[in-house]
Amino acid sequence: MAKTKQEQQEKKETLKMYIGPSIEKAGLSNGCVIRGDENKIYEKIIKEIPELKNLFVNVDESLALRKKAIFENGTNENFYYEKVLEKKNRG
């Protein structure tokens, strides 16, 4: 089924925020907002640390809750944050 022009435009304009630890070598900093496909923009570092893709969240009404969840044990956000931090510190 073909997507309407409006659906295509909405997909393009989706903003995402990275809520993981900053990774200087990739030019990725906590809180940066991107427009577009994070998998393409950060392809190299995502191949190295695949957990990163779970820390790009939509900039919407759930953003504050997702950012807070990074520091709450047992949440998916905390799990992926810790994994990325561990891999970042290793190499």
PDB file of N, CA and C in Angstrom:
ATOM      1  N   MET A   1       0.839  -1.167   0.000  1.00  0.00           N
ATOM      2  CA  MET A   1       0.000   0.000   0.000  1.00  0.00           C
ATOM      3  C   MET A   1       0.894   1.244   0.000  1.00  0.00           C
ATOM      4  N   ALA A   2       0.614   2.156  -0.870  1.00  0.00           N
ATOM      5  CA  ALA A   2       1.421   3.371  -0.986  1.00  0.00           C
ATOM      6  C   ALA A   2       1.119   4.319   0.166  1.00  0.00           C
ATOM      7  N   LYS A   3       2.165   4.955   0.652  1.00  0.00           N
ATOM      8  CA  LYS A   3       1.996   5.918   1.737  1.00  0.00           C
ATOM      9  C   LYS A   3       1.585   7.260   1.151  1.00  0.00           C
ATOM     10  N   THR A   4       0.747   7.962   1.893  1.00  0.00           N
ATOM     11  CA  THR A   4       0.345   9.281   1.439  1.00  0.00           C
ATOM     12  C   THR A   4       1.492  10.245   1.632  1.00  0.00           C
ATOM     13  N   LYS A   5       1.413  11.357   0.951  1.00  0.00           N
ATOM     14  CA  LYS A   5       2.448  12.387   1.056  1.00  0.00           C
ATOM     15  C   LYS A   5       2.573  12.859   2.500  1.00  0.00           C
ATOM     16  N   GLN A   6       1.447  12.996   3.190  1.00  0.00           N
ATOM     17  CA  GLN A   6       1.476  13.454   4.582  1.00  0.00           C
ATOM     18  C   GLN A   6       2.181  12.433   5.481  1.00  0.00           C
ATOM     19  N   GLU A   7       1.926  11.144   5.298  1.00  0.00           N
ATOM     20  CA  GLU A   7       2.589  10.110   6.093  1.00  0.00           C
ATOM     21  C   GLU A   7       4.091  10.117   5.865  1.00  0.00           C
ATOM     22  N   GLN A   8       4.500  10.295   4.613  1.00  0.00           N
ATOM     23  CA  GLN A   8       5.919  10.350   4.299  1.00  0.00           C
ATOM     24  C   GLN A   8       6.562  11.566   4.954  1.00  0.00           C
ATOM     25  N   GLN A   9       5.883  12.710   4.920  1.00  0.00           N
ATOM     26  CA  GLN A   9       6.424  13.934   5.520  1.00  0.00           C
ATOM     27  C   GLN A   9       6.518  13.796   7.030  1.00  0.00           C
ATOM     28  N   GLU A  10       5.508  13.204   7.673  1.00  0.00           N
ATOM     29  CA  GLU A  10       5.541  13.015   9.125  1.00  0.00           C
ATOM     30  C   GLU A  10       6.702  12.117   9.525  1.00  0.00           C
ATOM     31  N   LYS A  11       6.954  11.060   8.752  1.00  0.00           N
ATOM     32  CA  LYS A  11       8.060  10.162   9.065  1.00  0.00           C
ATOM     33  C   LYS A  11       9.386  10.903   8.969  1.00  0.00           C
ATOM     34  N   LYS A  12       9.556  11.738   7.950  1.00  0.00           N
ATOM     35  CA  LYS A  12      10.783  12.507   7.758  1.00  0.00           C
ATOM     36  C   LYS A  12      11.015  13.480   8.905  1.00  0.00           C
ATOM     37  N   GLU A  13       9.959  14.054   9.413  1.00  0.00           N
ATOM     38  CA  GLU A  13      10.082  15.119  10.406  1.00  0.00           C
ATOM     39  C   GLU A  13      10.121  14.605  11.839  1.00  0.00           C
ATOM     40  N   THR A  14      10.138  13.304  12.042  1.00  0.00           N
ATOM     41  CA  THR A  14      10.214  12.754  13.390  1.00  0.00           C
ATOM     42  C   THR A  14      11.557  13.111  14.005  1.00  0.00           C
ATOM     43  N   LEU A  15      11.508  13.709  15.160  1.00  0.00           N
ATOM     44  CA  LEU A  15      12.728  14.046  15.885  1.00  0.00           C
ATOM     45  C   LEU A  15      12.976  12.987  16.943  1.00  0.00           C
ATOM     46  N   LYS A  16      14.228  12.638  17.101  1.00  0.00           N
ATOM     47  CA  LYS A  16      14.613  11.684  18.139  1.00  0.00           C
ATOM     48  C   LYS A  16      15.721  12.287  18.973  1.00  0.00           C
ATOM     49  N   MET A  17      15.721  11.913  20.242  1.00  0.00           N
ATOM     50  CA  MET A  17      16.766  12.354  21.155  1.00  0.00           C
ATOM     51  C   MET A  17      17.542  11.132  21.610  1.00  0.00           C
ATOM     52  N   TYR A  18      18.862  11.299  21.678  1.00  0.00           N
ATOM     53  CA  TYR A  18      19.719  10.246  22.201  1.00  0.00           C
ATOM     54  C   TYR A  18      19.821  10.439  23.701  1.00  0.00           C
ATOM     55  N   ILE A  19      19.445   9.405  24.463  1.00  0.00           N
ATOM     56  CA  ILE A  19      19.437   9.528  25.925  1.00  0.00           C
ATOM     57  C   ILE A  19      20.514   8.662  26.585  1.00  0.00           C
ATOM     58  N   GLY A  20      21.445   8.165  25.780  1.00  0.00           N
ATOM     59  CA  GLY A  20      22.523   7.333  26.319  1.00  0.00           C
ATOM     60  C   GLY A  20      23.737   8.152  26.685  1.00  0.00           C
ATOM     61  N   PRO A  21      24.790   7.461  27.112  1.00  0.00           N
ATOM     62  CA  PRO A  21      26.023   8.160  27.472  1.00  0.00           C
ATOM     63  C   PRO A  21      26.692   8.759  26.234  1.00  0.00           C
ATOM     64  N   SER A  22      27.339   9.886  26.404  1.00  0.00           N
ATOM     65  CA  SER A  22      28.031  10.538  25.290  1.00  0.00           C
ATOM     66  C   SER A  22      29.172   9.662  24.794  1.00  0.00           C
ATOM     67  N   ILE A  23      29.327   9.608  23.481  1.00  0.00           N
ATOM     68  CA  ILE A  23      30.417   8.856  22.858  1.00  0.00           C
ATOM     69  C   ILE A  23      31.100   9.816  21.895  1.00  0.00           C
ATOM     70  N   GLU A  24      32.153  10.424  22.401  1.00  0.00           N
ATOM     71  CA  GLU A  24      32.836  11.495  21.686  1.00  0.00           C
ATOM     72  C   GLU A  24      33.351  11.069  20.322  1.00  0.00           C
ATOM     73  N   LYS A  25      33.928   9.864  20.230  1.00  0.00           N
ATOM     74  CA  LYS A  25      34.514   9.420  18.963  1.00  0.00           C
ATOM     75  C   LYS A  25      33.475   9.306  17.844  1.00  0.00           C
ATOM     76  N   ALA A  26      32.211   9.202  18.198  1.00  0.00           N
ATOM     77  CA  ALA A  26      31.145   9.112  17.202  1.00  0.00           C
ATOM     78  C   ALA A  26      30.407  10.434  17.042  1.00  0.00           C
ATOM     79  N   GLY A  27      30.799  11.437  17.824  1.00  0.00           N
ATOM     80  CA  GLY A  27      30.096  12.719  17.777  1.00  0.00           C
ATOM     81  C   GLY A  27      28.684  12.613  18.325  1.00  0.00           C
ATOM     82  N   LEU A  28      28.509  11.736  19.284  1.00  0.00           N
ATOM     83  CA  LEU A  28      27.193  11.463  19.853  1.00  0.00           C
ATOM     84  C   LEU A  28      27.187  11.907  21.307  1.00  0.00           C
ATOM     85  N   SER A  29      26.322  12.861  21.621  1.00  0.00           N
ATOM     86  CA  SER A  29      26.281  13.340  22.995  1.00  0.00           C
ATOM     87  C   SER A  29      24.880  13.189  23.578  1.00  0.00           C
ATOM     88  N   ASN A  30      24.844  12.935  24.868  1.00  0.00           N
ATOM     89  CA  ASN A  30      23.579  12.778  25.565  1.00  0.00           C
ATOM     90  C   ASN A  30      22.733  14.023  25.356  1.00  0.00           C
ATOM     91  N   GLY A  31      21.496  13.808  24.958  1.00  0.00           N
ATOM     92  CA  GLY A  31      20.569  14.926  24.773  1.00  0.00           C
ATOM     93  C   GLY A  31      20.537  15.492  23.369  1.00  0.00           C
ATOM     94  N   CYS A  32      21.381  14.973  22.470  1.00  0.00           N
ATOM     95  CA  CYS A  32      21.357  15.518  21.110  1.00  0.00           C
ATOM     96  C   CYS A  32      20.080  15.070  20.410  1.00  0.00           C
ATOM     97  N   VAL A  33      19.544  15.955  19.610  1.00  0.00           N
ATOM     98  CA  VAL A  33      18.315  15.689  18.876  1.00  0.00           C
ATOM     99  C   VAL A  33      18.668  15.561  17.402  1.00  0.00           C
ATOM    100  N   ILE A  34      18.132  14.532  16.772  1.00  0.00           N
ATOM    101  CA  ILE A  34      18.404  14.327  15.355  1.00  0.00           C
ATOM    102  C   ILE A  34      17.100  14.233  14.578  1.00  0.00           C
ATOM    103  N   ARG A  35      17.208  14.548  13.316  1.00  0.00           N
ATOM    104  CA  ARG A  35      16.093  14.404  12.387  1.00  0.00           C
ATOM    105  C   ARG A  35      16.571  13.408  11.339  1.00  0.00           C
ATOM    106  N   GLY A  36      15.827  12.352  11.154  1.00  0.00           N
ATOM    107  CA  GLY A  36      16.220  11.347  10.186  1.00  0.00           C
ATOM    108  C   GLY A  36      16.433  10.002  10.846  1.00  0.00           C
ATOM    109  N   ASP A  37      16.992   9.096  10.079  1.00  0.00           N
ATOM    110  CA  ASP A  37      17.178   7.720  10.524  1.00  0.00           C
ATOM    111  C   ASP A  37      18.495   7.580  11.272  1.00  0.00           C
ATOM    112  N   GLU A  38      18.397   7.345  12.566  1.00  0.00           N
ATOM    113  CA  GLU A  38      19.604   7.214  13.389  1.00  0.00           C
ATOM    114  C   GLU A  38      20.471   6.038  12.938  1.00  0.00           C
ATOM    115  N   ASN A  39      19.845   5.010  12.381  1.00  0.00           N
ATOM    116  CA  ASN A  39      20.615   3.860  11.901  1.00  0.00           C
ATOM    117  C   ASN A  39      21.542   4.235  10.745  1.00  0.00           C
ATOM    118  N   LYS A  40      21.131   5.177   9.941  1.00  0.00           N
ATOM    119  CA  LYS A  40      21.976   5.637   8.836  1.00  0.00           C
ATOM    120  C   LYS A  40      22.993   6.673   9.321  1.00  0.00           C
ATOM    121  N   ILE A  41      22.538   7.592  10.166  1.00  0.00           N
ATOM    122  CA  ILE A  41      23.406   8.677  10.633  1.00  0.00           C
ATOM    123  C   ILE A  41      24.552   8.131  11.482  1.00  0.00           C
ATOM    124  N   TYR A  42      24.249   7.188  12.349  1.00  0.00           N
ATOM    125  CA  TYR A  42      25.249   6.632  13.268  1.00  0.00           C
ATOM    126  C   TYR A  42      25.538   5.164  12.972  1.00  0.00           C
ATOM    127  N   GLU A  43      25.495   4.798  11.712  1.00  0.00           N
ATOM    128  CA  GLU A  43      25.645   3.409  11.287  1.00  0.00           C
ATOM    129  C   GLU A  43      26.901   2.740  11.841  1.00  0.00           C
ATOM    130  N   LYS A  44      28.034   3.425  11.762  1.00  0.00           N
ATOM    131  CA  LYS A  44      29.309   2.826  12.182  1.00  0.00           C
ATOM    132  C   LYS A  44      29.313   2.488  13.675  1.00  0.00           C
ATOM    133  N   ILE A  45      28.916   3.423  14.510  1.00  0.00           N
ATOM    134  CA  ILE A  45      28.955   3.190  15.954  1.00  0.00           C
ATOM    135  C   ILE A  45      27.851   2.214  16.386  1.00  0.00           C
ATOM    136  N   ILE A  46      26.717   2.200  15.685  1.00  0.00           N
ATOM    137  CA  ILE A  46      25.648   1.258  16.017  1.00  0.00           C
ATOM    138  C   ILE A  46      26.090  -0.170  15.699  1.00  0.00           C
ATOM    139  N   LYS A  47      26.883  -0.342  14.650  1.00  0.00           N
ATOM    140  CA  LYS A  47      27.417  -1.683  14.362  1.00  0.00           C
ATOM    141  C   LYS A  47      28.357  -2.136  15.477  1.00  0.00           C
ATOM    142  N   GLU A  48      29.100  -1.182  16.020  1.00  0.00           N
ATOM    143  CA  GLU A  48      30.046  -1.484  17.102  1.00  0.00           C
ATOM    144  C   GLU A  48      29.327  -1.714  18.429  1.00  0.00           C
ATOM    145  N   ILE A  49      28.301  -0.898  18.692  1.00  0.00           N
ATOM    146  CA  ILE A  49      27.536  -0.986  19.945  1.00  0.00           C
ATOM    147  C   ILE A  49      26.043  -0.992  19.589  1.00  0.00           C
ATOM    148  N   PRO A  50      25.495  -2.151  19.238  1.00  0.00           N
ATOM    149  CA  PRO A  50      24.105  -2.207  18.760  1.00  0.00           C
ATOM    150  C   PRO A  50      23.060  -1.740  19.778  1.00  0.00           C
ATOM    151  N   GLU A  51      23.387  -1.778  21.053  1.00  0.00           N
ATOM    152  CA  GLU A  51      22.430  -1.337  22.078  1.00  0.00           C
ATOM    153  C   GLU A  51      22.089   0.145  21.954  1.00  0.00           C
ATOM    154  N   LEU A  52      22.934   0.896  21.273  1.00  0.00           N
ATOM    155  CA  LEU A  52      22.691   2.335  21.098  1.00  0.00           C
ATOM    156  C   LEU A  52      21.329   2.625  20.491  1.00  0.00           C
ATOM    157  N   LYS A  53      20.923   1.803  19.529  1.00  0.00           N
ATOM    158  CA  LYS A  53      19.679   2.100  18.817  1.00  0.00           C
ATOM    159  C   LYS A  53      18.466   2.089  19.745  1.00  0.00           C
ATOM    160  N   ASN A  54      18.593   1.472  20.911  1.00  0.00           N
ATOM    161  CA  ASN A  54      17.494   1.459  21.878  1.00  0.00           C
ATOM    162  C   ASN A  54      17.448   2.724  22.716  1.00  0.00           C
ATOM    163  N   LEU A  55      18.442   3.591  22.558  1.00  0.00           N
ATOM    164  CA  LEU A  55      18.499   4.818  23.354  1.00  0.00           C
ATOM    165  C   LEU A  55      18.197   6.064  22.527  1.00  0.00           C
ATOM    166  N   PHE A  56      17.680   5.876  21.326  1.00  0.00           N
ATOM    167  CA  PHE A  56      17.148   6.975  20.529  1.00  0.00           C
ATOM    168  C   PHE A  56      15.640   6.937  20.717  1.00  0.00           C
ATOM    169  N   VAL A  57      15.073   7.964  21.325  1.00  0.00           N
ATOM    170  CA  VAL A  57      13.643   7.975  21.622  1.00  0.00           C
ATOM    171  C   VAL A  57      12.977   9.151  20.931  1.00  0.00           C
ATOM    172  N   ASN A  58      11.717   8.953  20.598  1.00  0.00           N
ATOM    173  CA  ASN A  58      10.965  10.029  19.955  1.00  0.00           C
ATOM    174  C   ASN A  58      10.840  11.221  20.892  1.00  0.00           C
ATOM    175  N   VAL A  59      10.927  12.388  20.310  1.00  0.00           N
ATOM    176  CA  VAL A  59      10.704  13.605  21.082  1.00  0.00           C
ATOM    177  C   VAL A  59       9.190  13.812  21.095  1.00  0.00           C
ATOM    178  N   ASP A  60       8.585  13.332  22.173  1.00  0.00           N
ATOM    179  CA  ASP A  60       7.140  13.453  22.338  1.00  0.00           C
ATOM    180  C   ASP A  60       6.823  13.525  23.824  1.00  0.00           C
ATOM    181  N   GLU A  61       5.566  13.307  24.161  1.00  0.00           N
ATOM    182  CA  GLU A  61       5.156  13.465  25.560  1.00  0.00           C
ATOM    183  C   GLU A  61       5.765  12.425  26.497  1.00  0.00           C
ATOM    184  N   SER A  62       6.299  11.330  25.975  1.00  0.00           N
ATOM    185  CA  SER A  62       6.904  10.313  26.842  1.00  0.00           C
ATOM    186  C   SER A  62       8.404  10.533  27.078  1.00  0.00           C
ATOM    187  N   LEU A  63       8.974  11.556  26.481  1.00  0.00           N
ATOM    188  CA  LEU A  63      10.418  11.781  26.570  1.00  0.00           C
ATOM    189  C   LEU A  63      10.911  11.906  28.010  1.00  0.00           C
ATOM    190  N   ALA A  64      10.252  12.698  28.815  1.00  0.00           N
ATOM    191  CA  ALA A  64      10.698  12.900  30.199  1.00  0.00           C
ATOM    192  C   ALA A  64      10.694  11.581  30.979  1.00  0.00           C
ATOM    193  N   LEU A  65       9.674  10.775  30.763  1.00  0.00           N
ATOM    194  CA  LEU A  65       9.604   9.482  31.453  1.00  0.00           C
ATOM    195  C   LEU A  65      10.717   8.552  31.005  1.00  0.00           C
ATOM    196  N   ARG A  66      11.018   8.559  29.718  1.00  0.00           N
ATOM    197  CA  ARG A  66      12.082   7.695  29.189  1.00  0.00           C
ATOM    198  C   ARG A  66      13.442   8.132  29.721  1.00  0.00           C
ATOM    199  N   LYS A  67      13.670   9.441  29.810  1.00  0.00           N
ATOM    200  CA  LYS A  67      14.947   9.943  30.343  1.00  0.00           C
ATOM    201  C   LYS A  67      15.091   9.570  31.814  1.00  0.00           C
ATOM    202  N   LYS A  68      14.014   9.674  32.549  1.00  0.00           N
ATOM    203  CA  LYS A  68      14.034   9.326  33.975  1.00  0.00           C
ATOM    204  C   LYS A  68      14.294   7.827  34.162  1.00  0.00           C
ATOM    205  N   ALA A  69      13.764   7.006  33.269  1.00  0.00           N
ATOM    206  CA  ALA A  69      13.882   5.554  33.377  1.00  0.00           C
ATOM    207  C   ALA A  69      15.327   5.065  33.253  1.00  0.00           C
ATOM    208  N   ILE A  70      16.195   5.882  32.676  1.00  0.00           N
ATOM    209  CA  ILE A  70      17.605   5.498  32.549  1.00  0.00           C
ATOM    210  C   ILE A  70      18.201   5.187  33.922  1.00  0.00           C
ATOM    211  N   PHE A  71      17.763   5.905  34.941  1.00  0.00           N
ATOM    212  CA  PHE A  71      18.346   5.787  36.275  1.00  0.00           C
ATOM    213  C   PHE A  71      17.541   4.886  37.209  1.00  0.00           C
ATOM    214  N   GLU A  72      16.526   4.203  36.659  1.00  0.00           N
ATOM    215  CA  GLU A  72      15.698   3.317  37.470  1.00  0.00           C
ATOM    216  C   GLU A  72      16.065   1.865  37.166  1.00  0.00           C
ATOM    217  N   ASN A  73      16.608   1.176  38.163  1.00  0.00           N
ATOM    218  CA  ASN A  73      16.984  -0.229  37.972  1.00  0.00           C
ATOM    219  C   ASN A  73      15.794  -1.047  37.495  1.00  0.00           C
ATOM    220  N   GLY A  74      16.073  -1.949  36.567  1.00  0.00           N
ATOM    221  CA  GLY A  74      15.038  -2.844  36.067  1.00  0.00           C
ATOM    222  C   GLY A  74      14.320  -2.369  34.814  1.00  0.00           C
ATOM    223  N   THR A  75      14.552  -1.137  34.391  1.00  0.00           N
ATOM    224  CA  THR A  75      13.894  -0.652  33.172  1.00  0.00           C
ATOM    225  C   THR A  75      14.740  -0.998  31.959  1.00  0.00           C
ATOM    226  N   ASN A  76      14.091  -1.074  30.809  1.00  0.00           N
ATOM    227  CA  ASN A  76      14.823  -1.320  29.562  1.00  0.00           C
ATOM    228  C   ASN A  76      15.839  -0.215  29.311  1.00  0.00           C
ATOM    229  N   GLU A  77      15.442   1.020  29.566  1.00  0.00           N
ATOM    230  CA  GLU A  77      16.343   2.152  29.339  1.00  0.00           C
ATOM    231  C   GLU A  77      17.601   2.023  30.185  1.00  0.00           C
ATOM    232  N   ASN A  78      17.456   1.639  31.454  1.00  0.00           N
ATOM    233  CA  ASN A  78      18.603   1.463  32.336  1.00  0.00           C
ATOM    234  C   ASN A  78      19.491   0.326  31.856  1.00  0.00           C
ATOM    235  N   PHE A  79      18.883  -0.765  31.435  1.00  0.00           N
ATOM    236  CA  PHE A  79      19.638  -1.911  30.934  1.00  0.00           C
ATOM    237  C   PHE A  79      20.502  -1.501  29.741  1.00  0.00           C
ATOM    238  N   TYR A  80      19.904  -0.854  28.746  1.00  0.00           N
ATOM    239  CA  TYR A  80      20.657  -0.475  27.550  1.00  0.00           C
ATOM    240  C   TYR A  80      21.678   0.619  27.840  1.00  0.00           C
ATOM    241  N   TYR A  81      21.345   1.540  28.715  1.00  0.00           N
ATOM    242  CA  TYR A  81      22.287   2.590  29.099  1.00  0.00           C
ATOM    243  C   TYR A  81      23.543   1.969  29.707  1.00  0.00           C
ATOM    244  N   GLU A  82      23.343   1.046  30.636  1.00  0.00           N
ATOM    245  CA  GLU A  82      24.477   0.388  31.299  1.00  0.00           C
ATOM    246  C   GLU A  82      25.307  -0.433  30.313  1.00  0.00           C
ATOM    247  N   LYS A  83      24.652  -1.126  29.373  1.00  0.00           N
ATOM    248  CA  LYS A  83      25.371  -1.907  28.362  1.00  0.00           C
ATOM    249  C   LYS A  83      26.233  -1.003  27.489  1.00  0.00           C
ATOM    250  N   VAL A  84      25.667   0.123  27.056  1.00  0.00           N
ATOM    251  CA  VAL A  84      26.413   1.061  26.211  1.00  0.00           C
ATOM    252  C   VAL A  84      27.585   1.635  27.005  1.00  0.00           C
ATOM    253  N   LEU A  85      27.358   2.018  28.237  1.00  0.00           N
ATOM    254  CA  LEU A  85      28.403   2.566  29.085  1.00  0.00           C
ATOM    255  C   LEU A  85      29.542   1.560  29.267  1.00  0.00           C
ATOM    256  N   GLU A  86      29.181   0.316  29.501  1.00  0.00           N
ATOM    257  CA  GLU A  86      30.162  -0.746  29.678  1.00  0.00           C
ATOM    258  C   GLU A  86      31.014  -0.925  28.409  1.00  0.00           C
ATOM    259  N   LYS A  87      30.373  -0.957  27.245  1.00  0.00           N
ATOM    260  CA  LYS A  87      31.102  -1.132  25.990  1.00  0.00           C
ATOM    261  C   LYS A  87      31.922   0.105  25.655  1.00  0.00           C
ATOM    262  N   LYS A  88      31.401   1.266  25.972  1.00  0.00           N
ATOM    263  CA  LYS A  88      32.139   2.512  25.727  1.00  0.00           C
ATOM    264  C   LYS A  88      33.433   2.519  26.545  1.00  0.00           C
ATOM    265  N   ASN A  89      33.328   2.135  27.790  1.00  0.00           N
ATOM    266  CA  ASN A  89      34.493   2.159  28.684  1.00  0.00           C
ATOM    267  C   ASN A  89      35.520   1.083  28.354  1.00  0.00           C
ATOM    268  N   ARG A  90      35.083   0.028  27.682  1.00  0.00           N
ATOM    269  CA  ARG A  90      35.990  -1.036  27.265  1.00  0.00           C
ATOM    270  C   ARG A  90      36.874  -0.631  26.107  1.00  0.00           C
ATOM    271  N   GLY A  91      36.362   0.195  25.247  1.00  0.00           N
ATOM    272  CA  GLY A  91      37.187   0.436  24.083  1.00  0.00           C
ATOM    273  C   GLY A  91      36.947   1.691  23.426  1.00  0.00           C
TER     274      GLY A  91
END
